[in-house]
Amino acid sequence: MSKFKLYFGYYLCFNWIMSVYIFFSGLIFNSDLVMQILFLQSWFSGVILFFWMIYNLIKNKNIKYKFLWFLSFCIMFIGVIFYFWFVYRENQKIKV
């Protein structure tokens, strides 16, 4: 399990480094493409973080208010998805 935690930490560090690189390269290249890449990368890391938190909730029996913690995370995750689905897409006039 310690290897999993180590690789997950490497993934998060690499994700932040790539996000900064893609953001600054967006100042030079096409900004629409850069924002799409950043959105997909953030969504992918959010899904991985979601399943990692689920795994820790199941494994760790000492967390108090486990259901409330899980429910608040789900509400935040769904809120971000709906924000990008309804608000950001309408502001940017993205057609699906």
N, C-alpha and C. Protein backbone atom coordinates (compact mmCIF):
# COMPACT_ATOMS: atom_id res chain seq x y z
N MET A 1 0.82 -1.20 0.00
CA MET A 1 0.00 0.00 0.00
C MET A 1 0.86 1.26 0.00
N SER A 2 2.05 1.17 0.57
CA SER A 2 2.91 2.36 0.60
C SER A 2 3.37 2.74 -0.81
N LYS A 3 3.53 1.75 -1.70
CA LYS A 3 3.88 2.07 -3.08
C LYS A 3 2.74 2.82 -3.76
N PHE A 4 1.50 2.44 -3.45
CA PHE A 4 0.35 3.14 -4.03
C PHE A 4 0.34 4.60 -3.59
N LYS A 5 0.58 4.84 -2.31
CA LYS A 5 0.60 6.22 -1.81
C LYS A 5 1.74 7.01 -2.45
N LEU A 6 2.88 6.37 -2.63
CA LEU A 6 4.02 7.03 -3.24
C LEU A 6 3.71 7.40 -4.69
N TYR A 7 3.15 6.46 -5.44
CA TYR A 7 2.82 6.75 -6.83
C TYR A 7 1.70 7.78 -6.94
N PHE A 8 0.77 7.77 -6.02
CA PHE A 8 -0.29 8.77 -6.04
C PHE A 8 0.29 10.16 -5.77
N GLY A 9 1.24 10.25 -4.86
CA GLY A 9 1.91 11.53 -4.62
C GLY A 9 2.68 12.00 -5.84
N TYR A 10 3.37 11.06 -6.52
CA TYR A 10 4.05 11.42 -7.75
C TYR A 10 3.06 11.92 -8.80
N TYR A 11 1.91 11.26 -8.88
CA TYR A 11 0.90 11.67 -9.85
C TYR A 11 0.41 13.09 -9.56
N LEU A 12 0.14 13.41 -8.28
CA LEU A 12 -0.34 14.75 -7.95
C LEU A 12 0.71 15.81 -8.24
N CYS A 13 1.98 15.53 -7.93
CA CYS A 13 3.04 16.50 -8.23
C CYS A 13 3.18 16.70 -9.73
N PHE A 14 3.16 15.61 -10.47
CA PHE A 14 3.26 15.71 -11.93
C PHE A 14 2.06 16.45 -12.51
N ASN A 15 0.89 16.23 -11.92
CA ASN A 15 -0.32 16.91 -12.40
C ASN A 15 -0.19 18.42 -12.23
N TRP A 16 0.30 18.87 -11.07
CA TRP A 16 0.46 20.31 -10.85
C TRP A 16 1.52 20.90 -11.77
N ILE A 17 2.61 20.18 -11.97
CA ILE A 17 3.66 20.68 -12.87
C ILE A 17 3.14 20.80 -14.29
N MET A 18 2.41 19.78 -14.75
CA MET A 18 1.86 19.83 -16.10
C MET A 18 0.80 20.91 -16.24
N SER A 19 0.00 21.13 -15.21
CA SER A 19 -1.01 22.19 -15.26
C SER A 19 -0.36 23.56 -15.41
N VAL A 20 0.70 23.80 -14.66
CA VAL A 20 1.41 25.09 -14.77
C VAL A 20 2.04 25.23 -16.15
N TYR A 21 2.64 24.15 -16.64
CA TYR A 21 3.26 24.19 -17.97
C TYR A 21 2.23 24.46 -19.06
N ILE A 22 1.10 23.77 -19.00
CA ILE A 22 0.06 23.96 -20.01
C ILE A 22 -0.53 25.36 -19.92
N PHE A 23 -0.70 25.86 -18.70
CA PHE A 23 -1.25 27.21 -18.54
C PHE A 23 -0.33 28.26 -19.17
N PHE A 24 0.96 28.17 -18.88
CA PHE A 24 1.88 29.17 -19.44
C PHE A 24 2.11 28.98 -20.93
N SER A 25 2.00 27.75 -21.42
CA SER A 25 2.09 27.57 -22.87
C SER A 25 0.84 28.09 -23.57
N GLY A 26 -0.26 28.22 -22.84
CA GLY A 26 -1.48 28.80 -23.41
C GLY A 26 -1.34 30.27 -23.72
N LEU A 27 -0.38 30.92 -23.10
CA LEU A 27 -0.13 32.32 -23.43
C LEU A 27 0.49 32.46 -24.82
N ILE A 28 1.11 31.38 -25.29
CA ILE A 28 1.75 31.40 -26.60
C ILE A 28 0.87 30.75 -27.66
N PHE A 29 0.28 29.60 -27.32
CA PHE A 29 -0.48 28.82 -28.30
C PHE A 29 -1.97 29.14 -28.21
N ASN A 30 -2.78 28.34 -28.88
CA ASN A 30 -4.23 28.52 -28.92
C ASN A 30 -4.82 28.33 -27.52
N SER A 31 -5.47 29.35 -27.01
CA SER A 31 -5.95 29.30 -25.63
C SER A 31 -7.16 28.38 -25.46
N ASP A 32 -8.00 28.21 -26.50
CA ASP A 32 -9.15 27.31 -26.38
C ASP A 32 -8.71 25.87 -26.19
N LEU A 33 -7.72 25.47 -26.96
CA LEU A 33 -7.20 24.11 -26.83
C LEU A 33 -6.57 23.90 -25.46
N VAL A 34 -5.85 24.88 -24.98
CA VAL A 34 -5.20 24.78 -23.67
C VAL A 34 -6.25 24.65 -22.57
N MET A 35 -7.33 25.43 -22.64
CA MET A 35 -8.36 25.34 -21.61
C MET A 35 -9.06 23.99 -21.65
N GLN A 36 -9.24 23.41 -22.83
CA GLN A 36 -9.84 22.08 -22.93
C GLN A 36 -8.93 21.04 -22.30
N ILE A 37 -7.63 21.14 -22.55
CA ILE A 37 -6.68 20.19 -21.96
C ILE A 37 -6.67 20.33 -20.44
N LEU A 38 -6.65 21.57 -19.94
CA LEU A 38 -6.67 21.78 -18.49
C LEU A 38 -7.95 21.24 -17.86
N PHE A 39 -9.08 21.44 -18.53
CA PHE A 39 -10.35 20.94 -18.00
C PHE A 39 -10.36 19.41 -17.94
N LEU A 40 -9.91 18.75 -19.01
CA LEU A 40 -9.89 17.29 -19.02
C LEU A 40 -8.90 16.74 -17.99
N GLN A 41 -7.76 17.39 -17.86
CA GLN A 41 -6.78 16.94 -16.88
C GLN A 41 -7.30 17.13 -15.46
N SER A 42 -7.96 18.22 -15.20
CA SER A 42 -8.53 18.44 -13.87
C SER A 42 -9.65 17.46 -13.57
N TRP A 43 -10.46 17.16 -14.57
CA TRP A 43 -11.53 16.20 -14.38
C TRP A 43 -10.96 14.81 -14.09
N PHE A 44 -9.93 14.42 -14.83
CA PHE A 44 -9.33 13.11 -14.63
C PHE A 44 -8.72 13.00 -13.24
N SER A 45 -8.00 14.03 -12.81
CA SER A 45 -7.41 13.97 -11.47
C SER A 45 -8.48 14.03 -10.39
N GLY A 46 -9.60 14.72 -10.65
CA GLY A 46 -10.71 14.73 -9.70
C GLY A 46 -11.34 13.37 -9.54
N VAL A 47 -11.48 12.64 -10.64
CA VAL A 47 -12.04 11.28 -10.57
C VAL A 47 -11.10 10.36 -9.80
N ILE A 48 -9.81 10.47 -10.05
CA ILE A 48 -8.85 9.64 -9.31
C ILE A 48 -8.88 9.99 -7.83
N LEU A 49 -8.93 11.29 -7.51
CA LEU A 49 -9.01 11.70 -6.11
C LEU A 49 -10.29 11.21 -5.46
N PHE A 50 -11.41 11.20 -6.20
CA PHE A 50 -12.67 10.70 -5.68
C PHE A 50 -12.57 9.23 -5.28
N PHE A 51 -12.03 8.39 -6.16
CA PHE A 51 -11.91 6.97 -5.83
C PHE A 51 -10.88 6.72 -4.74
N TRP A 52 -9.84 7.55 -4.68
CA TRP A 52 -8.86 7.41 -3.61
C TRP A 52 -9.49 7.74 -2.26
N MET A 53 -10.34 8.77 -2.22
CA MET A 53 -11.03 9.10 -0.97
C MET A 53 -12.03 8.02 -0.59
N ILE A 54 -12.71 7.44 -1.58
CA ILE A 54 -13.64 6.33 -1.29
C ILE A 54 -12.87 5.16 -0.67
N TYR A 55 -11.71 4.86 -1.24
CA TYR A 55 -10.91 3.76 -0.72
C TYR A 55 -10.49 4.03 0.73
N ASN A 56 -10.06 5.25 1.01
CA ASN A 56 -9.66 5.59 2.38
C ASN A 56 -10.84 5.59 3.34
N LEU A 57 -12.02 5.97 2.86
CA LEU A 57 -13.21 5.91 3.71
C LEU A 57 -13.55 4.48 4.09
N ILE A 58 -13.42 3.57 3.12
CA ILE A 58 -13.74 2.16 3.40
C ILE A 58 -12.68 1.54 4.29
N LYS A 59 -11.41 1.84 4.03
CA LYS A 59 -10.32 1.21 4.77
C LYS A 59 -10.19 1.76 6.19
N ASN A 60 -10.28 3.07 6.36
CA ASN A 60 -10.04 3.69 7.65
C ASN A 60 -11.33 3.68 8.47
N LYS A 61 -11.33 2.94 9.54
CA LYS A 61 -12.53 2.82 10.37
C LYS A 61 -12.61 3.89 11.45
N ASN A 62 -11.57 4.71 11.62
CA ASN A 62 -11.53 5.68 12.71
C ASN A 62 -12.03 7.06 12.33
N ILE A 63 -12.41 7.27 11.08
CA ILE A 63 -12.87 8.59 10.67
C ILE A 63 -14.26 8.83 11.25
N LYS A 64 -14.41 9.95 11.96
CA LYS A 64 -15.72 10.30 12.49
C LYS A 64 -16.53 10.98 11.39
N TYR A 65 -17.82 10.83 11.47
CA TYR A 65 -18.75 11.45 10.53
C TYR A 65 -18.40 11.09 9.08
N LYS A 66 -18.18 9.80 8.87
CA LYS A 66 -17.77 9.31 7.56
C LYS A 66 -18.80 9.63 6.49
N PHE A 67 -20.08 9.44 6.79
CA PHE A 67 -21.13 9.69 5.80
C PHE A 67 -21.21 11.17 5.46
N LEU A 68 -21.09 12.04 6.44
CA LEU A 68 -21.16 13.48 6.19
C LEU A 68 -19.98 13.95 5.34
N TRP A 69 -18.80 13.41 5.60
CA TRP A 69 -17.63 13.75 4.81
C TRP A 69 -17.80 13.32 3.37
N PHE A 70 -18.28 12.10 3.17
CA PHE A 70 -18.50 11.58 1.82
C PHE A 70 -19.58 12.37 1.10
N LEU A 71 -20.65 12.71 1.80
CA LEU A 71 -21.74 13.46 1.19
C LEU A 71 -21.29 14.86 0.78
N SER A 72 -20.51 15.53 1.62
CA SER A 72 -20.04 16.88 1.26
C SER A 72 -19.10 16.83 0.06
N PHE A 73 -18.26 15.80 -0.02
CA PHE A 73 -17.38 15.68 -1.17
C PHE A 73 -18.18 15.44 -2.44
N CYS A 74 -19.19 14.59 -2.37
CA CYS A 74 -20.03 14.32 -3.55
C CYS A 74 -20.76 15.58 -4.00
N ILE A 75 -21.25 16.37 -3.05
CA ILE A 75 -21.95 17.61 -3.41
C ILE A 75 -20.99 18.58 -4.10
N MET A 76 -19.77 18.71 -3.59
CA MET A 76 -18.80 19.60 -4.23
C MET A 76 -18.44 19.10 -5.62
N PHE A 77 -18.24 17.80 -5.77
CA PHE A 77 -17.87 17.21 -7.05
C PHE A 77 -18.98 17.41 -8.07
N ILE A 78 -20.22 17.16 -7.68
CA ILE A 78 -21.36 17.34 -8.58
C ILE A 78 -21.56 18.82 -8.89
N GLY A 79 -21.33 19.70 -7.92
CA GLY A 79 -21.45 21.13 -8.16
C GLY A 79 -20.47 21.63 -9.20
N VAL A 80 -19.24 21.14 -9.16
CA VAL A 80 -18.25 21.55 -10.15
C VAL A 80 -18.64 21.05 -11.54
N ILE A 81 -19.13 19.81 -11.61
CA ILE A 81 -19.55 19.28 -12.91
C ILE A 81 -20.70 20.09 -13.47
N PHE A 82 -21.71 20.39 -12.66
CA PHE A 82 -22.84 21.17 -13.15
C PHE A 82 -22.45 22.60 -13.49
N TYR A 83 -21.49 23.17 -12.76
CA TYR A 83 -21.02 24.52 -13.10
C TYR A 83 -20.43 24.54 -14.51
N PHE A 84 -19.54 23.59 -14.77
CA PHE A 84 -18.94 23.57 -16.10
C PHE A 84 -19.94 23.15 -17.16
N TRP A 85 -20.92 22.33 -16.82
CA TRP A 85 -21.89 21.87 -17.81
C TRP A 85 -22.85 22.99 -18.20
N PHE A 86 -23.31 23.78 -17.23
CA PHE A 86 -24.33 24.79 -17.53
C PHE A 86 -23.78 26.21 -17.64
N VAL A 87 -22.92 26.62 -16.73
CA VAL A 87 -22.48 28.02 -16.69
C VAL A 87 -21.31 28.27 -17.63
N TYR A 88 -20.23 27.51 -17.47
CA TYR A 88 -19.02 27.75 -18.27
C TYR A 88 -19.29 27.51 -19.75
N ARG A 89 -20.03 26.46 -20.06
CA ARG A 89 -20.31 26.15 -21.46
C ARG A 89 -21.15 27.24 -22.10
N GLU A 90 -22.11 27.78 -21.37
CA GLU A 90 -22.95 28.85 -21.91
C GLU A 90 -22.16 30.14 -22.08
N ASN A 91 -21.26 30.42 -21.15
CA ASN A 91 -20.45 31.64 -21.27
C ASN A 91 -19.47 31.56 -22.42
N GLN A 92 -18.93 30.39 -22.67
CA GLN A 92 -17.94 30.22 -23.74
C GLN A 92 -18.56 29.80 -25.06
N LYS A 93 -19.87 29.56 -25.06
CA LYS A 93 -20.61 29.14 -26.26
C LYS A 93 -20.03 27.86 -26.85
N ILE A 94 -19.78 26.89 -25.97
CA ILE A 94 -19.26 25.60 -26.40
C ILE A 94 -20.44 24.73 -26.79
N LYS A 95 -20.37 24.16 -27.97
CA LYS A 95 -21.43 23.27 -28.46
C LYS A 95 -21.00 21.83 -28.28
N VAL A 96 -21.89 21.03 -27.70
CA VAL A 96 -21.58 19.62 -27.50
C VAL A 96 -22.31 18.81 -28.54
